[in-house]
C-alpha atoms as a PDB file:
ATOM      1  CA  UNK A   1     -37.142  26.947  23.434  1.00  0.00           C
ATOM      2  CA  UNK A   2     -35.442  30.077  24.312  1.00  0.00           C
ATOM      3  CA  UNK A   3     -35.262  31.280  27.889  1.00  0.00           C
ATOM      4  CA  UNK A   4     -33.775  34.652  27.180  1.00  0.00           C
ATOM      5  CA  UNK A   5     -35.300  37.286  29.471  1.00  0.00           C
ATOM      6  CA  UNK A   6     -37.150  39.882  27.458  1.00  0.00           C
ATOM      7  CA  UNK A   7     -37.815  43.332  28.610  1.00  0.00           C
ATOM      8  CA  UNK A   8     -41.214  44.762  28.777  1.00  0.00           C
ATOM      9  CA  UNK A   9     -40.172  47.716  26.848  1.00  0.00           C
ATOM     10  CA  UNK A  10     -42.496  50.307  28.259  1.00  0.00           C
ATOM     11  CA  UNK A  11     -41.695  53.750  26.861  1.00  0.00           C
ATOM     12  CA  UNK A  12     -42.939  57.403  26.922  1.00  0.00           C
ATOM     13  CA  UNK A  13     -46.715  57.599  27.899  1.00  0.00           C
ATOM     14  CA  UNK A  14     -46.833  53.778  28.383  1.00  0.00           C
ATOM     15  CA  UNK A  15     -44.415  53.884  31.128  1.00  0.00           C
ATOM     16  CA  UNK A  16     -45.787  53.508  34.694  1.00  0.00           C
ATOM     17  CA  UNK A  17     -44.127  56.081  36.712  1.00  0.00           C
ATOM     18  CA  UNK A  18     -44.554  56.211  40.672  1.00  0.00           C
ATOM     19  CA  UNK A  19     -41.637  58.653  41.298  1.00  0.00           C
ATOM     20  CA  UNK A  20     -41.199  62.284  40.785  1.00  0.00           C
ATOM     21  CA  UNK A  21     -38.878  63.492  38.036  1.00  0.00           C
ATOM     22  CA  UNK A  22     -36.995  66.769  38.811  1.00  0.00           C
ATOM     23  CA  UNK A  23     -34.449  68.214  36.403  1.00  0.00           C
ATOM     24  CA  UNK A  24     -32.747  69.491  39.648  1.00  0.00           C
ATOM     25  CA  UNK A  25     -33.318  69.006  43.319  1.00  0.00           C
ATOM     26  CA  UNK A  26     -36.234  71.203  44.331  1.00  0.00           C
ATOM     27  CA  UNK A  27     -35.093  71.474  47.992  1.00  0.00           C
ATOM     28  CA  UNK A  28     -38.571  70.746  49.185  1.00  0.00           C
ATOM     29  CA  UNK A  29     -39.848  67.461  50.450  1.00  0.00           C
ATOM     30  CA  UNK A  30     -42.006  65.556  48.018  1.00  0.00           C
ATOM     31  CA  UNK A  31     -43.770  62.280  47.690  1.00  0.00           C
ATOM     32  CA  UNK A  32     -46.088  60.369  45.260  1.00  0.00           C
ATOM     33  CA  UNK A  33     -49.797  60.875  45.961  1.00  0.00           C
ATOM     34  CA  UNK A  34     -52.089  58.964  43.710  1.00  0.00           C
ATOM     35  CA  UNK A  35     -55.031  60.990  44.928  1.00  0.00           C
ATOM     36  CA  UNK A  36     -53.698  64.254  43.630  1.00  0.00           C
ATOM     37  CA  UNK A  37     -56.057  66.338  41.406  1.00  0.00           C
ATOM     38  CA  UNK A  38     -55.499  68.981  39.085  1.00  0.00           C
ATOM     39  CA  UNK A  39     -54.949  72.520  40.782  1.00  0.00           C
ATOM     40  CA  UNK A  40     -54.718  70.842  44.297  1.00  0.00           C
ATOM     41  CA  UNK A  41     -51.952  72.434  46.461  1.00  0.00           C
ATOM     42  CA  UNK A  42     -48.498  70.800  45.971  1.00  0.00           C
ATOM     43  CA  UNK A  43     -49.598  68.406  43.224  1.00  0.00           C
ATOM     44  CA  UNK A  44     -47.920  68.432  39.886  1.00  0.00           C
ATOM     45  CA  UNK A  45     -44.669  69.411  41.656  1.00  0.00           C
ATOM     46  CA  UNK A  46     -42.111  68.052  39.059  1.00  0.00           C
ATOM     47  CA  UNK A  47     -44.195  69.475  36.195  1.00  0.00           C
ATOM     48  CA  UNK A  48     -44.357  66.064  34.627  1.00  0.00           C
ATOM     49  CA  UNK A  49     -46.692  63.936  37.080  1.00  0.00           C
ATOM     50  CA  UNK A  50     -49.823  65.177  38.552  1.00  0.00           C
ATOM     51  CA  UNK A  51     -49.300  62.734  41.539  1.00  0.00           C
ATOM     52  CA  UNK A  52     -45.893  64.294  42.376  1.00  0.00           C
ATOM     53  CA  UNK A  53     -46.663  66.414  45.490  1.00  0.00           C
ATOM     54  CA  UNK A  54     -44.715  68.854  47.533  1.00  0.00           C
ATOM     55  CA  UNK A  55     -45.362  68.426  51.406  1.00  0.00           C
ATOM     56  CA  UNK A  56     -44.021  69.870  54.696  1.00  0.00           C
ATOM     57  CA  UNK A  57     -42.463  73.028  53.835  1.00  0.00           C
ATOM     58  CA  UNK A  58     -43.829  76.434  53.146  1.00  0.00           C
ATOM     59  CA  UNK A  59     -46.127  77.130  51.260  1.00  0.00           C
ATOM     60  CA  UNK A  60     -47.049  73.437  51.341  1.00  0.00           C
ATOM     61  CA  UNK A  61     -46.807  73.036  55.277  1.00  0.00           C
ATOM     62  CA  UNK A  62     -50.415  72.316  55.423  1.00  0.00           C
ATOM     63  CA  UNK A  63     -49.724  69.087  53.659  1.00  0.00           C
ATOM     64  CA  UNK A  64     -48.388  66.357  55.866  1.00  0.00           C
ATOM     65  CA  UNK A  65     -45.513  64.300  54.543  1.00  0.00           C
ATOM     66  CA  UNK A  66     -45.860  60.509  54.673  1.00  0.00           C
ATOM     67  CA  UNK A  67     -42.984  58.560  56.504  1.00  0.00           C
ATOM     68  CA  UNK A  68     -41.543  57.551  53.128  1.00  0.00           C
ATOM     69  CA  UNK A  69     -41.015  61.161  51.814  1.00  0.00           C
ATOM     70  CA  UNK A  70     -38.062  61.789  49.790  1.00  0.00           C
ATOM     71  CA  UNK A  71     -36.146  64.718  51.490  1.00  0.00           C
ATOM     72  CA  UNK A  72     -33.059  66.098  49.798  1.00  0.00           C
ATOM     73  CA  UNK A  73     -30.703  67.664  52.447  1.00  0.00           C
ATOM     74  CA  UNK A  74     -28.041  70.151  51.551  1.00  0.00           C
ATOM     75  CA  UNK A  75     -24.588  69.381  52.917  1.00  0.00           C
ATOM     76  CA  UNK A  76     -24.489  70.073  56.592  1.00  0.00           C
ATOM     77  CA  UNK A  77     -28.167  70.005  57.140  1.00  0.00           C
ATOM     78  CA  UNK A  78     -29.612  67.736  59.753  1.00  0.00           C
ATOM     79  CA  UNK A  79     -32.834  65.658  59.001  1.00  0.00           C
ATOM     80  CA  UNK A  80     -35.976  66.817  60.930  1.00  0.00           C
ATOM     81  CA  UNK A  81     -37.655  63.976  62.582  1.00  0.00           C
ATOM     82  CA  UNK A  82     -41.491  63.703  61.726  1.00  0.00           C
ATOM     83  CA  UNK A  83     -42.434  63.289  65.424  1.00  0.00           C
ATOM     84  CA  UNK A  84     -40.438  66.606  66.382  1.00  0.00           C
ATOM     85  CA  UNK A  85     -37.645  64.755  68.106  1.00  0.00           C
ATOM     86  CA  UNK A  86     -34.050  65.895  67.408  1.00  0.00           C
END
């Protein structure tokens, strides 16, 4: 019997994605929100996945970012603590 590891081989629309896909850094915090709905503020942030959602920065500052938010910092920027501490 062969014990070679075979890949599952998910491609295209079959692929299960839970991360946002940006062609370039949006400069705005974002996260994966499985509860996103069409035309909901911040959703469809990467123009590929409805569940990709912007948060925490205008005009999306009403959307709270979870702790695991992916934030891209420009060189020299300091991260902002979620609890307001610096």
